[in-house]
Amino acid sequence: MRRACGGLQFFCQSAAAQRPMSGRREVKEKHHAHAQHEYRIDRVVFLGTASATPVPGKRNMSSLCVAGNNGSVIMVDCGEGTQHQLKVSTALKASKVDMILITHLHGDHCFGLFGLIYSLADARGAAHAEERPACDGAPAGHPLILVGPVGLRAMVEQVLAASGGWGDAFHIRFIEISQGKHDARETVDLTDAILLQG
């Protein structure tokens, strides 16, 4: 996960856009191909900025959302009570949350995941079921992508299994980042995952 001060921009160039360009028409095609694959941040919404203990009525547990120009929403951390903050937000829709990035597995950064996943199933079920048909036996709609340290998948699957199982409202795709990559401060490129969701 990359953190940056100032503007943050993801982009992907298609093979056609990477060819050498010589004429005016080709330059126009290159610009068009680049624009089709560019992801820009539209807004950042803080859902919680508290630490290990929430401040009722003032500060929720750690969570923020990044809304992009492609309509998708990427959440960073999901502390307890995040689904409540998301529901009262006038700037975001739960059905648009496509990806959740968990910085680490301390409870104040991830205990809100379980309730939020069930809320997203309700919100996304109606919003996305008709947009994207099921393929390869996967549930209808696009997957929710959960990105975080190794152990995230086991934690989520165990809690969902212990609490009655997980239906087929949508597929959950996990991207786990090894401790070695974390320690080395390696960049994890999520560009393709972001662009596929839009």
N, C-alpha and C. Protein backbone atom coordinates (compact mmCIF):
# COMPACT_ATOMS: atom_id res chain seq x y z
N MET A 1 0.85 -1.17 0.00
CA MET A 1 0.00 0.00 0.00
C MET A 1 0.90 1.24 0.00
N ARG A 2 0.61 2.17 -0.84
CA ARG A 2 1.45 3.36 -0.98
C ARG A 2 0.78 4.53 -0.28
N ARG A 3 1.53 5.25 0.52
CA ARG A 3 1.02 6.47 1.13
C ARG A 3 1.78 7.62 0.51
N ALA A 4 1.08 8.70 0.24
CA ALA A 4 1.75 9.84 -0.37
C ALA A 4 1.14 11.14 0.13
N CYS A 5 1.98 12.15 0.25
CA CYS A 5 1.48 13.48 0.57
C CYS A 5 1.08 14.14 -0.73
N GLY A 6 0.07 14.96 -0.68
CA GLY A 6 -0.40 15.62 -1.89
C GLY A 6 -1.24 14.70 -2.74
N GLY A 7 -1.20 14.87 -4.06
CA GLY A 7 -2.04 14.11 -4.97
C GLY A 7 -1.58 12.68 -5.12
N LEU A 8 -2.51 11.77 -5.21
CA LEU A 8 -2.23 10.36 -5.40
C LEU A 8 -2.94 9.94 -6.67
N GLN A 9 -2.24 9.26 -7.56
CA GLN A 9 -2.84 8.90 -8.84
C GLN A 9 -2.38 7.51 -9.25
N PHE A 10 -3.34 6.68 -9.68
CA PHE A 10 -3.03 5.37 -10.23
C PHE A 10 -3.35 5.44 -11.72
N PHE A 11 -2.56 4.83 -12.54
CA PHE A 11 -2.95 4.72 -13.93
C PHE A 11 -2.32 3.50 -14.56
N CYS A 12 -2.93 3.06 -15.63
CA CYS A 12 -2.47 1.88 -16.36
C CYS A 12 -2.56 2.21 -17.84
N GLN A 13 -1.50 1.96 -18.57
CA GLN A 13 -1.54 2.20 -20.01
C GLN A 13 -1.77 0.88 -20.73
N SER A 14 -2.64 0.90 -21.71
CA SER A 14 -2.87 -0.29 -22.52
C SER A 14 -1.68 -0.49 -23.45
N ALA A 15 -1.59 -1.67 -24.07
CA ALA A 15 -0.49 -1.95 -25.00
C ALA A 15 -0.51 -0.96 -26.15
N ALA A 16 -1.70 -0.59 -26.63
CA ALA A 16 -1.80 0.37 -27.73
C ALA A 16 -1.26 1.73 -27.33
N ALA A 17 -1.45 2.10 -26.08
CA ALA A 17 -0.99 3.41 -25.62
C ALA A 17 0.52 3.45 -25.44
N GLN A 18 1.18 2.28 -25.38
CA GLN A 18 2.61 2.25 -25.17
C GLN A 18 3.41 2.29 -26.47
N ARG A 19 2.74 2.18 -27.62
CA ARG A 19 3.44 2.26 -28.91
C ARG A 19 3.99 3.67 -29.13
N PRO A 20 5.09 3.77 -29.86
CA PRO A 20 5.60 5.10 -30.20
C PRO A 20 4.59 5.85 -31.07
N MET A 21 4.40 7.11 -30.80
CA MET A 21 3.42 7.92 -31.53
C MET A 21 4.15 8.96 -32.36
N SER A 22 3.64 9.15 -33.59
CA SER A 22 4.31 10.14 -34.43
C SER A 22 3.35 11.20 -34.94
N GLY A 23 2.13 10.84 -35.31
CA GLY A 23 1.20 11.80 -35.89
C GLY A 23 0.20 12.34 -34.87
N ARG A 24 -0.54 13.36 -35.30
CA ARG A 24 -1.53 13.99 -34.44
C ARG A 24 -2.61 13.00 -34.03
N ARG A 25 -3.08 12.16 -34.99
CA ARG A 25 -4.12 11.19 -34.70
C ARG A 25 -3.65 10.20 -33.64
N GLU A 26 -2.38 9.75 -33.76
CA GLU A 26 -1.84 8.80 -32.81
C GLU A 26 -1.71 9.41 -31.41
N VAL A 27 -1.35 10.68 -31.33
CA VAL A 27 -1.25 11.36 -30.04
C VAL A 27 -2.63 11.44 -29.40
N LYS A 28 -3.64 11.72 -30.22
CA LYS A 28 -5.01 11.78 -29.71
C LYS A 28 -5.45 10.40 -29.20
N GLU A 29 -5.10 9.33 -29.93
CA GLU A 29 -5.43 7.97 -29.50
C GLU A 29 -4.73 7.63 -28.19
N LYS A 30 -3.48 8.04 -28.07
CA LYS A 30 -2.73 7.77 -26.85
C LYS A 30 -3.39 8.46 -25.66
N HIS A 31 -3.78 9.72 -25.83
CA HIS A 31 -4.44 10.46 -24.75
C HIS A 31 -5.75 9.78 -24.38
N HIS A 32 -6.53 9.34 -25.37
CA HIS A 32 -7.81 8.69 -25.11
C HIS A 32 -7.61 7.37 -24.36
N ALA A 33 -6.62 6.55 -24.78
CA ALA A 33 -6.35 5.28 -24.12
C ALA A 33 -5.92 5.51 -22.67
N HIS A 34 -5.08 6.53 -22.45
CA HIS A 34 -4.63 6.85 -21.09
C HIS A 34 -5.79 7.29 -20.23
N ALA A 35 -6.65 8.14 -20.75
CA ALA A 35 -7.78 8.66 -19.99
C ALA A 35 -8.75 7.56 -19.60
N GLN A 36 -8.91 6.54 -20.45
CA GLN A 36 -9.82 5.46 -20.14
C GLN A 36 -9.35 4.63 -18.96
N HIS A 37 -8.04 4.58 -18.72
CA HIS A 37 -7.49 3.73 -17.69
C HIS A 37 -6.95 4.50 -16.50
N GLU A 38 -7.30 5.74 -16.35
CA GLU A 38 -6.76 6.55 -15.28
C GLU A 38 -7.73 6.57 -14.11
N TYR A 39 -7.20 6.38 -12.94
CA TYR A 39 -8.00 6.44 -11.71
C TYR A 39 -7.56 7.67 -10.93
N ARG A 40 -8.52 8.52 -10.61
CA ARG A 40 -8.22 9.71 -9.83
C ARG A 40 -9.13 9.76 -8.60
N ILE A 41 -8.59 10.33 -7.55
CA ILE A 41 -9.36 10.47 -6.31
C ILE A 41 -10.33 11.63 -6.46
N ASP A 42 -11.59 11.35 -6.17
CA ASP A 42 -12.64 12.37 -6.20
C ASP A 42 -12.78 13.03 -4.83
N ARG A 43 -12.78 12.20 -3.77
CA ARG A 43 -12.89 12.74 -2.41
C ARG A 43 -12.39 11.73 -1.39
N VAL A 44 -11.98 12.23 -0.23
CA VAL A 44 -11.59 11.40 0.90
C VAL A 44 -12.53 11.73 2.05
N VAL A 45 -13.15 10.70 2.62
CA VAL A 45 -14.11 10.90 3.71
C VAL A 45 -13.60 10.15 4.94
N PHE A 46 -13.38 10.88 6.03
CA PHE A 46 -12.94 10.26 7.28
C PHE A 46 -14.16 9.77 8.04
N LEU A 47 -14.22 8.46 8.29
CA LEU A 47 -15.31 7.86 9.04
C LEU A 47 -14.96 7.70 10.51
N GLY A 48 -13.69 7.71 10.82
CA GLY A 48 -13.24 7.59 12.20
C GLY A 48 -11.78 7.91 12.32
N THR A 49 -11.43 8.66 13.37
CA THR A 49 -10.04 9.06 13.58
C THR A 49 -9.57 8.77 15.00
N ALA A 50 -10.38 8.06 15.78
CA ALA A 50 -10.01 7.75 17.16
C ALA A 50 -9.02 6.60 17.19
N SER A 51 -8.41 6.42 18.34
CA SER A 51 -7.46 5.33 18.52
C SER A 51 -8.19 4.11 19.06
N ALA A 52 -7.66 3.46 20.09
CA ALA A 52 -8.22 2.20 20.59
C ALA A 52 -9.59 2.37 21.25
N THR A 53 -9.94 3.57 21.63
CA THR A 53 -11.23 3.80 22.29
C THR A 53 -11.99 4.88 21.55
N PRO A 54 -13.23 4.58 21.11
CA PRO A 54 -14.00 5.62 20.42
C PRO A 54 -14.46 6.70 21.39
N VAL A 55 -14.76 7.86 20.86
CA VAL A 55 -15.32 8.97 21.64
C VAL A 55 -16.76 9.12 21.17
N PRO A 56 -17.74 8.59 21.92
CA PRO A 56 -19.14 8.59 21.47
C PRO A 56 -19.62 9.97 21.02
N GLY A 57 -20.22 9.99 19.84
CA GLY A 57 -20.76 11.23 19.29
C GLY A 57 -19.72 12.16 18.70
N LYS A 58 -18.45 11.81 18.81
CA LYS A 58 -17.41 12.70 18.31
C LYS A 58 -16.45 11.99 17.35
N ARG A 59 -15.83 10.90 17.81
CA ARG A 59 -14.81 10.24 16.99
C ARG A 59 -15.01 8.73 17.01
N ASN A 60 -15.15 8.15 15.84
CA ASN A 60 -15.30 6.71 15.69
C ASN A 60 -13.90 6.08 15.58
N MET A 61 -13.88 4.74 15.57
CA MET A 61 -12.62 4.02 15.40
C MET A 61 -12.06 4.29 13.99
N SER A 62 -10.82 3.94 13.77
CA SER A 62 -10.09 4.27 12.56
C SER A 62 -10.73 3.73 11.28
N SER A 63 -11.03 4.64 10.36
CA SER A 63 -11.52 4.28 9.03
C SER A 63 -11.64 5.52 8.17
N LEU A 64 -11.31 5.37 6.90
CA LEU A 64 -11.55 6.43 5.93
C LEU A 64 -11.86 5.80 4.59
N CYS A 65 -12.53 6.56 3.74
CA CYS A 65 -12.89 6.08 2.40
C CYS A 65 -12.35 7.04 1.35
N VAL A 66 -11.87 6.45 0.26
CA VAL A 66 -11.39 7.20 -0.89
C VAL A 66 -12.35 6.90 -2.04
N ALA A 67 -13.05 7.92 -2.49
CA ALA A 67 -13.98 7.76 -3.62
C ALA A 67 -13.27 8.17 -4.90
N GLY A 68 -13.35 7.29 -5.91
CA GLY A 68 -12.65 7.55 -7.16
C GLY A 68 -13.56 8.02 -8.26
N ASN A 69 -12.95 8.49 -9.35
CA ASN A 69 -13.71 8.99 -10.48
C ASN A 69 -14.43 7.88 -11.24
N ASN A 70 -14.11 6.61 -10.96
CA ASN A 70 -14.80 5.51 -11.62
C ASN A 70 -16.02 5.04 -10.83
N GLY A 71 -16.34 5.74 -9.74
CA GLY A 71 -17.52 5.41 -8.94
C GLY A 71 -17.25 4.47 -7.80
N SER A 72 -16.08 3.85 -7.76
CA SER A 72 -15.79 2.90 -6.69
C SER A 72 -15.30 3.63 -5.44
N VAL A 73 -15.42 2.94 -4.31
CA VAL A 73 -14.94 3.47 -3.04
C VAL A 73 -13.97 2.46 -2.44
N ILE A 74 -12.80 2.96 -2.03
CA ILE A 74 -11.79 2.16 -1.37
C ILE A 74 -11.75 2.59 0.09
N MET A 75 -11.93 1.64 0.99
CA MET A 75 -11.89 1.93 2.42
C MET A 75 -10.52 1.56 2.96
N VAL A 76 -9.99 2.42 3.84
CA VAL A 76 -8.73 2.14 4.52
C VAL A 76 -9.05 1.97 6.00
N ASP A 77 -8.86 0.76 6.50
CA ASP A 77 -9.17 0.34 7.86
C ASP A 77 -10.68 0.34 8.10
N CYS A 78 -11.06 -0.50 9.05
CA CYS A 78 -12.48 -0.70 9.31
C CYS A 78 -12.66 -1.01 10.79
N GLY A 79 -12.47 0.01 11.61
CA GLY A 79 -12.64 -0.15 13.05
C GLY A 79 -14.10 -0.40 13.40
N GLU A 80 -14.31 -0.85 14.62
CA GLU A 80 -15.66 -1.15 15.09
C GLU A 80 -16.56 0.08 14.94
N GLY A 81 -17.76 -0.14 14.43
CA GLY A 81 -18.72 0.95 14.25
C GLY A 81 -18.63 1.63 12.89
N THR A 82 -17.73 1.18 12.03
CA THR A 82 -17.57 1.81 10.72
C THR A 82 -18.85 1.73 9.89
N GLN A 83 -19.57 0.60 9.97
CA GLN A 83 -20.80 0.48 9.18
C GLN A 83 -21.83 1.53 9.59
N HIS A 84 -21.86 1.90 10.87
CA HIS A 84 -22.78 2.95 11.32
C HIS A 84 -22.39 4.30 10.71
N GLN A 85 -21.09 4.60 10.73
CA GLN A 85 -20.60 5.85 10.15
C GLN A 85 -20.88 5.91 8.66
N LEU A 86 -20.72 4.78 7.98
CA LEU A 86 -20.96 4.72 6.54
C LEU A 86 -22.44 4.96 6.24
N LYS A 87 -23.32 4.43 7.07
CA LYS A 87 -24.76 4.60 6.84
C LYS A 87 -25.23 6.03 7.05
N VAL A 88 -24.58 6.76 7.95
CA VAL A 88 -25.00 8.15 8.18
C VAL A 88 -24.29 9.13 7.26
N SER A 89 -23.30 8.66 6.51
CA SER A 89 -22.59 9.53 5.60
C SER A 89 -23.47 9.93 4.42
N THR A 90 -23.46 11.20 4.10
CA THR A 90 -24.20 11.67 2.93
C THR A 90 -23.32 11.69 1.68
N ALA A 91 -22.02 11.45 1.85
CA ALA A 91 -21.07 11.51 0.73
C ALA A 91 -20.76 10.15 0.13
N LEU A 92 -21.18 9.06 0.79
CA LEU A 92 -20.81 7.72 0.34
C LEU A 92 -22.01 6.78 0.34
N LYS A 93 -21.94 5.76 -0.51
CA LYS A 93 -22.93 4.69 -0.52
C LYS A 93 -22.21 3.38 -0.22
N ALA A 94 -22.77 2.59 0.69
CA ALA A 94 -22.15 1.31 1.05
C ALA A 94 -22.01 0.40 -0.17
N SER A 95 -22.96 0.45 -1.08
CA SER A 95 -22.93 -0.43 -2.25
C SER A 95 -21.75 -0.16 -3.16
N LYS A 96 -21.09 0.98 -3.01
CA LYS A 96 -19.96 1.34 -3.87
C LYS A 96 -18.61 0.90 -3.30
N VAL A 97 -18.58 0.38 -2.07
CA VAL A 97 -17.32 -0.06 -1.48
C VAL A 97 -16.87 -1.32 -2.20
N ASP A 98 -15.74 -1.23 -2.90
CA ASP A 98 -15.21 -2.33 -3.69
C ASP A 98 -13.98 -2.97 -3.07
N MET A 99 -13.25 -2.20 -2.28
CA MET A 99 -11.99 -2.68 -1.74
C MET A 99 -11.81 -2.13 -0.33
N ILE A 100 -11.30 -2.98 0.57
CA ILE A 100 -10.99 -2.55 1.93
C ILE A 100 -9.53 -2.90 2.21
N LEU A 101 -8.75 -1.89 2.55
CA LEU A 101 -7.34 -2.05 2.88
C LEU A 101 -7.18 -2.03 4.39
N ILE A 102 -6.64 -3.08 4.96
CA ILE A 102 -6.43 -3.15 6.41
C ILE A 102 -4.94 -2.97 6.67
N THR A 103 -4.57 -1.93 7.42
CA THR A 103 -3.16 -1.63 7.64
C THR A 103 -2.49 -2.64 8.56
N HIS A 104 -3.21 -3.10 9.60
CA HIS A 104 -2.70 -4.13 10.50
C HIS A 104 -3.88 -4.73 11.25
N LEU A 105 -3.66 -5.86 11.90
CA LEU A 105 -4.76 -6.63 12.47
C LEU A 105 -5.06 -6.32 13.93
N HIS A 106 -4.79 -5.10 14.38
CA HIS A 106 -5.26 -4.69 15.70
C HIS A 106 -6.76 -4.43 15.61
N GLY A 107 -7.47 -4.75 16.68
CA GLY A 107 -8.92 -4.66 16.67
C GLY A 107 -9.47 -3.30 16.29
N ASP A 108 -8.81 -2.22 16.70
CA ASP A 108 -9.33 -0.89 16.39
C ASP A 108 -9.21 -0.55 14.91
N HIS A 109 -8.57 -1.42 14.14
CA HIS A 109 -8.45 -1.20 12.70
C HIS A 109 -9.21 -2.23 11.87
N CYS A 110 -9.73 -3.31 12.51
CA CYS A 110 -10.35 -4.36 11.69
C CYS A 110 -11.61 -5.00 12.28
N PHE A 111 -11.98 -4.73 13.53
CA PHE A 111 -13.14 -5.41 14.12
C PHE A 111 -14.47 -4.99 13.50
N GLY A 112 -14.49 -3.95 12.72
CA GLY A 112 -15.72 -3.55 12.05
C GLY A 112 -15.99 -4.30 10.75
N LEU A 113 -15.01 -5.08 10.31
CA LEU A 113 -15.14 -5.79 9.04
C LEU A 113 -16.35 -6.72 8.98
N PHE A 114 -16.58 -7.46 10.04
CA PHE A 114 -17.57 -8.53 10.01
C PHE A 114 -18.99 -8.00 9.84
N GLY A 115 -19.35 -7.01 10.62
CA GLY A 115 -20.66 -6.39 10.46
C GLY A 115 -20.78 -5.67 9.13
N LEU A 116 -19.69 -5.02 8.70
CA LEU A 116 -19.72 -4.29 7.44
C LEU A 116 -19.91 -5.24 6.27
N ILE A 117 -19.28 -6.41 6.30
CA ILE A 117 -19.44 -7.37 5.20
C ILE A 117 -20.91 -7.76 5.05
N TYR A 118 -21.59 -8.01 6.16
CA TYR A 118 -23.01 -8.35 6.07
C TYR A 118 -23.84 -7.16 5.59
N SER A 119 -23.49 -5.96 6.02
CA SER A 119 -24.21 -4.76 5.53
C SER A 119 -23.97 -4.55 4.04
N LEU A 120 -22.74 -4.81 3.59
CA LEU A 120 -22.43 -4.66 2.17
C LEU A 120 -23.20 -5.69 1.34
N ALA A 121 -23.39 -6.87 1.90
CA ALA A 121 -24.16 -7.89 1.18
C ALA A 121 -25.57 -7.38 0.91
N ASP A 122 -26.17 -6.74 1.90
CA ASP A 122 -27.51 -6.18 1.71
C ASP A 122 -27.49 -5.03 0.71
N ALA A 123 -26.53 -4.11 0.89
CA ALA A 123 -26.47 -2.92 0.04
C ALA A 123 -26.09 -3.25 -1.40
N ARG A 124 -25.13 -4.16 -1.57
CA ARG A 124 -24.64 -4.48 -2.91
C ARG A 124 -25.54 -5.46 -3.64
N GLY A 125 -26.23 -6.29 -2.89
CA GLY A 125 -27.08 -7.29 -3.52
C GLY A 125 -28.04 -6.68 -4.52
N ALA A 126 -28.73 -5.65 -4.11
CA ALA A 126 -29.69 -5.00 -4.99
C ALA A 126 -29.01 -4.11 -6.02
N ALA A 127 -27.94 -3.43 -5.62
CA ALA A 127 -27.31 -2.46 -6.51
C ALA A 127 -26.54 -3.10 -7.66
N HIS A 128 -25.93 -4.27 -7.43
CA HIS A 128 -25.04 -4.84 -8.44
C HIS A 128 -25.53 -6.13 -9.08
N ALA A 129 -26.54 -6.76 -8.56
CA ALA A 129 -26.93 -8.08 -9.07
C ALA A 129 -27.26 -8.07 -10.55
N GLU A 130 -27.87 -7.01 -11.04
CA GLU A 130 -28.25 -6.97 -12.45
C GLU A 130 -27.15 -6.43 -13.35
N GLU A 131 -26.17 -5.73 -12.76
CA GLU A 131 -25.12 -5.10 -13.57
C GLU A 131 -24.13 -6.10 -14.13
N ARG A 132 -23.69 -7.05 -13.31
CA ARG A 132 -22.63 -7.96 -13.73
C ARG A 132 -23.06 -9.40 -13.45
N PRO A 133 -23.26 -10.21 -14.49
CA PRO A 133 -23.71 -11.58 -14.28
C PRO A 133 -22.61 -12.46 -13.68
N ALA A 134 -23.05 -13.57 -13.08
CA ALA A 134 -22.10 -14.52 -12.49
C ALA A 134 -21.31 -15.21 -13.59
N CYS A 135 -20.06 -15.58 -13.31
CA CYS A 135 -19.26 -16.34 -14.25
C CYS A 135 -18.40 -17.33 -13.48
N ASP A 136 -18.10 -18.44 -14.11
CA ASP A 136 -17.27 -19.49 -13.50
C ASP A 136 -17.79 -19.94 -12.14
N GLY A 137 -19.09 -19.94 -11.95
CA GLY A 137 -19.67 -20.40 -10.71
C GLY A 137 -19.60 -19.39 -9.58
N ALA A 138 -19.05 -18.20 -9.85
CA ALA A 138 -18.96 -17.18 -8.80
C ALA A 138 -20.31 -16.51 -8.63
N PRO A 139 -20.58 -15.98 -7.44
CA PRO A 139 -21.83 -15.28 -7.22
C PRO A 139 -21.95 -14.06 -8.13
N ALA A 140 -23.18 -13.62 -8.36
CA ALA A 140 -23.40 -12.44 -9.19
C ALA A 140 -22.75 -11.22 -8.55
N GLY A 141 -22.39 -10.25 -9.38
CA GLY A 141 -21.74 -9.04 -8.88
C GLY A 141 -20.23 -9.22 -8.87
N HIS A 142 -19.51 -8.13 -8.63
CA HIS A 142 -18.06 -8.22 -8.58
C HIS A 142 -17.62 -8.46 -7.14
N PRO A 143 -16.40 -8.99 -6.96
CA PRO A 143 -15.97 -9.34 -5.61
C PRO A 143 -15.64 -8.12 -4.76
N LEU A 144 -15.73 -8.32 -3.46
CA LEU A 144 -15.19 -7.37 -2.51
C LEU A 144 -13.75 -7.78 -2.31
N ILE A 145 -12.81 -6.85 -2.48
CA ILE A 145 -11.40 -7.16 -2.33
C ILE A 145 -10.94 -6.69 -0.96
N LEU A 146 -10.40 -7.62 -0.18
CA LEU A 146 -9.84 -7.31 1.13
C LEU A 146 -8.33 -7.45 1.05
N VAL A 147 -7.61 -6.38 1.37
CA VAL A 147 -6.15 -6.36 1.30
C VAL A 147 -5.60 -6.09 2.69
N GLY A 148 -4.64 -6.90 3.10
CA GLY A 148 -4.05 -6.69 4.41
C GLY A 148 -2.94 -7.68 4.68
N PRO A 149 -2.47 -7.71 5.93
CA PRO A 149 -1.37 -8.61 6.27
C PRO A 149 -1.80 -10.08 6.25
N VAL A 150 -0.82 -10.96 6.17
CA VAL A 150 -1.09 -12.38 6.26
C VAL A 150 -1.83 -12.65 7.57
N GLY A 151 -2.89 -13.43 7.49
CA GLY A 151 -3.73 -13.70 8.65
C GLY A 151 -5.12 -13.09 8.50
N LEU A 152 -5.25 -12.12 7.58
CA LEU A 152 -6.54 -11.47 7.35
C LEU A 152 -7.58 -12.47 6.87
N ARG A 153 -7.22 -13.28 5.90
CA ARG A 153 -8.17 -14.25 5.34
C ARG A 153 -8.64 -15.23 6.41
N ALA A 154 -7.70 -15.80 7.15
CA ALA A 154 -8.05 -16.77 8.19
C ALA A 154 -8.98 -16.14 9.22
N MET A 155 -8.68 -14.92 9.65
CA MET A 155 -9.51 -14.23 10.63
C MET A 155 -10.92 -14.03 10.11
N VAL A 156 -11.06 -13.49 8.91
CA VAL A 156 -12.38 -13.21 8.35
C VAL A 156 -13.17 -14.50 8.14
N GLU A 157 -12.53 -15.51 7.54
CA GLU A 157 -13.24 -16.76 7.27
C GLU A 157 -13.66 -17.46 8.55
N GLN A 158 -12.82 -17.43 9.59
CA GLN A 158 -13.17 -18.07 10.85
C GLN A 158 -14.33 -17.38 11.54
N VAL A 159 -14.32 -16.05 11.56
CA VAL A 159 -15.41 -15.32 12.21
C VAL A 159 -16.72 -15.52 11.44
N LEU A 160 -16.67 -15.44 10.11
CA LEU A 160 -17.88 -15.63 9.32
C LEU A 160 -18.42 -17.05 9.48
N ALA A 161 -17.53 -18.05 9.51
CA ALA A 161 -17.96 -19.44 9.69
C ALA A 161 -18.57 -19.65 11.08
N ALA A 162 -17.96 -19.07 12.10
CA ALA A 162 -18.45 -19.25 13.47
C ALA A 162 -19.76 -18.50 13.72
N SER A 163 -20.04 -17.52 12.89
CA SER A 163 -21.26 -16.72 13.10
C SER A 163 -22.40 -17.10 12.16
N GLY A 164 -22.35 -18.32 11.63
CA GLY A 164 -23.47 -18.78 10.83
C GLY A 164 -23.16 -18.97 9.35
N GLY A 165 -21.92 -18.77 8.98
CA GLY A 165 -21.55 -18.99 7.58
C GLY A 165 -21.74 -17.75 6.73
N TRP A 166 -21.30 -17.90 5.50
CA TRP A 166 -21.35 -16.79 4.55
C TRP A 166 -22.16 -17.24 3.35
N GLY A 167 -23.16 -16.47 2.99
CA GLY A 167 -23.99 -16.79 1.84
C GLY A 167 -23.26 -16.50 0.55
N ASP A 168 -24.01 -16.36 -0.51
CA ASP A 168 -23.39 -16.13 -1.82
C ASP A 168 -23.74 -14.75 -2.36
N ALA A 169 -23.89 -13.77 -1.47
CA ALA A 169 -24.23 -12.42 -1.93
C ALA A 169 -23.17 -11.87 -2.87
N PHE A 170 -21.91 -12.11 -2.59
CA PHE A 170 -20.81 -11.74 -3.46
C PHE A 170 -19.57 -12.48 -3.02
N HIS A 171 -18.62 -12.57 -3.92
CA HIS A 171 -17.36 -13.25 -3.64
C HIS A 171 -16.43 -12.29 -2.91
N ILE A 172 -15.65 -12.82 -1.96
CA ILE A 172 -14.63 -12.02 -1.28
C ILE A 172 -13.27 -12.50 -1.79
N ARG A 173 -12.50 -11.56 -2.33
CA ARG A 173 -11.16 -11.86 -2.82
C ARG A 173 -10.14 -11.29 -1.85
N PHE A 174 -9.22 -12.12 -1.40
CA PHE A 174 -8.21 -11.69 -0.43
C PHE A 174 -6.87 -11.47 -1.13
N ILE A 175 -6.20 -10.38 -0.78
CA ILE A 175 -4.82 -10.13 -1.19
C ILE A 175 -4.05 -9.90 0.10
N GLU A 176 -3.22 -10.88 0.47
CA GLU A 176 -2.47 -10.77 1.70
C GLU A 176 -1.03 -10.34 1.41
N ILE A 177 -0.51 -9.48 2.25
CA ILE A 177 0.84 -8.93 2.08
C ILE A 177 1.74 -9.58 3.12
N SER A 178 2.82 -10.17 2.67
CA SER A 178 3.72 -10.89 3.58
C SER A 178 4.43 -9.93 4.52
N GLN A 179 4.84 -10.49 5.66
CA GLN A 179 5.59 -9.69 6.64
C GLN A 179 6.90 -9.20 6.03
N GLY A 180 7.50 -10.01 5.15
CA GLY A 180 8.75 -9.60 4.50
C GLY A 180 8.56 -8.36 3.65
N LYS A 181 7.48 -8.31 2.87
CA LYS A 181 7.20 -7.11 2.06
C LYS A 181 6.93 -5.91 2.95
N HIS A 182 6.20 -6.16 4.05
CA HIS A 182 5.90 -5.07 4.98
C HIS A 182 7.20 -4.53 5.59
N ASP A 183 8.04 -5.43 6.09
CA ASP A 183 9.29 -5.01 6.72
C ASP A 183 10.20 -4.28 5.75
N ALA A 184 10.20 -4.71 4.48
CA ALA A 184 11.05 -4.08 3.47
C ALA A 184 10.41 -2.80 2.91
N ARG A 185 9.19 -2.50 3.35
CA ARG A 185 8.45 -1.32 2.87
C ARG A 185 8.27 -1.36 1.35
N GLU A 186 8.05 -2.57 0.82
CA GLU A 186 7.83 -2.72 -0.62
C GLU A 186 6.47 -2.18 -1.01
N THR A 187 6.40 -1.59 -2.18
CA THR A 187 5.14 -1.11 -2.73
C THR A 187 4.34 -2.30 -3.25
N VAL A 188 3.05 -2.31 -2.95
CA VAL A 188 2.16 -3.34 -3.46
C VAL A 188 1.27 -2.68 -4.50
N ASP A 189 1.42 -3.09 -5.75
CA ASP A 189 0.66 -2.49 -6.84
C ASP A 189 -0.75 -3.06 -6.91
N LEU A 190 -1.73 -2.23 -6.63
CA LEU A 190 -3.13 -2.63 -6.68
C LEU A 190 -3.86 -2.00 -7.85
N THR A 191 -3.11 -1.44 -8.79
CA THR A 191 -3.70 -0.73 -9.91
C THR A 191 -4.69 -1.60 -10.68
N ASP A 192 -4.28 -2.82 -11.04
CA ASP A 192 -5.17 -3.70 -11.81
C ASP A 192 -6.44 -4.03 -11.04
N ALA A 193 -6.32 -4.29 -9.75
CA ALA A 193 -7.49 -4.60 -8.94
C ALA A 193 -8.44 -3.42 -8.89
N ILE A 194 -7.91 -2.21 -8.79
CA ILE A 194 -8.75 -1.00 -8.74
C ILE A 194 -9.44 -0.79 -10.08
N LEU A 195 -8.69 -0.91 -11.17
CA LEU A 195 -9.27 -0.66 -12.49
C LEU A 195 -10.31 -1.69 -12.87
N LEU A 196 -10.13 -2.94 -12.45
CA LEU A 196 -11.09 -3.99 -12.77
C LEU A 196 -12.42 -3.77 -12.07
N GLN A 197 -12.41 -3.07 -10.94
CA GLN A 197 -13.63 -2.85 -10.19
C GLN A 197 -14.48 -1.76 -10.81
N GLY A 198 -13.88 -0.81 -11.53
CA GLY A 198 -14.61 0.34 -12.06
C GLY A 198 -15.50 0.04 -13.21
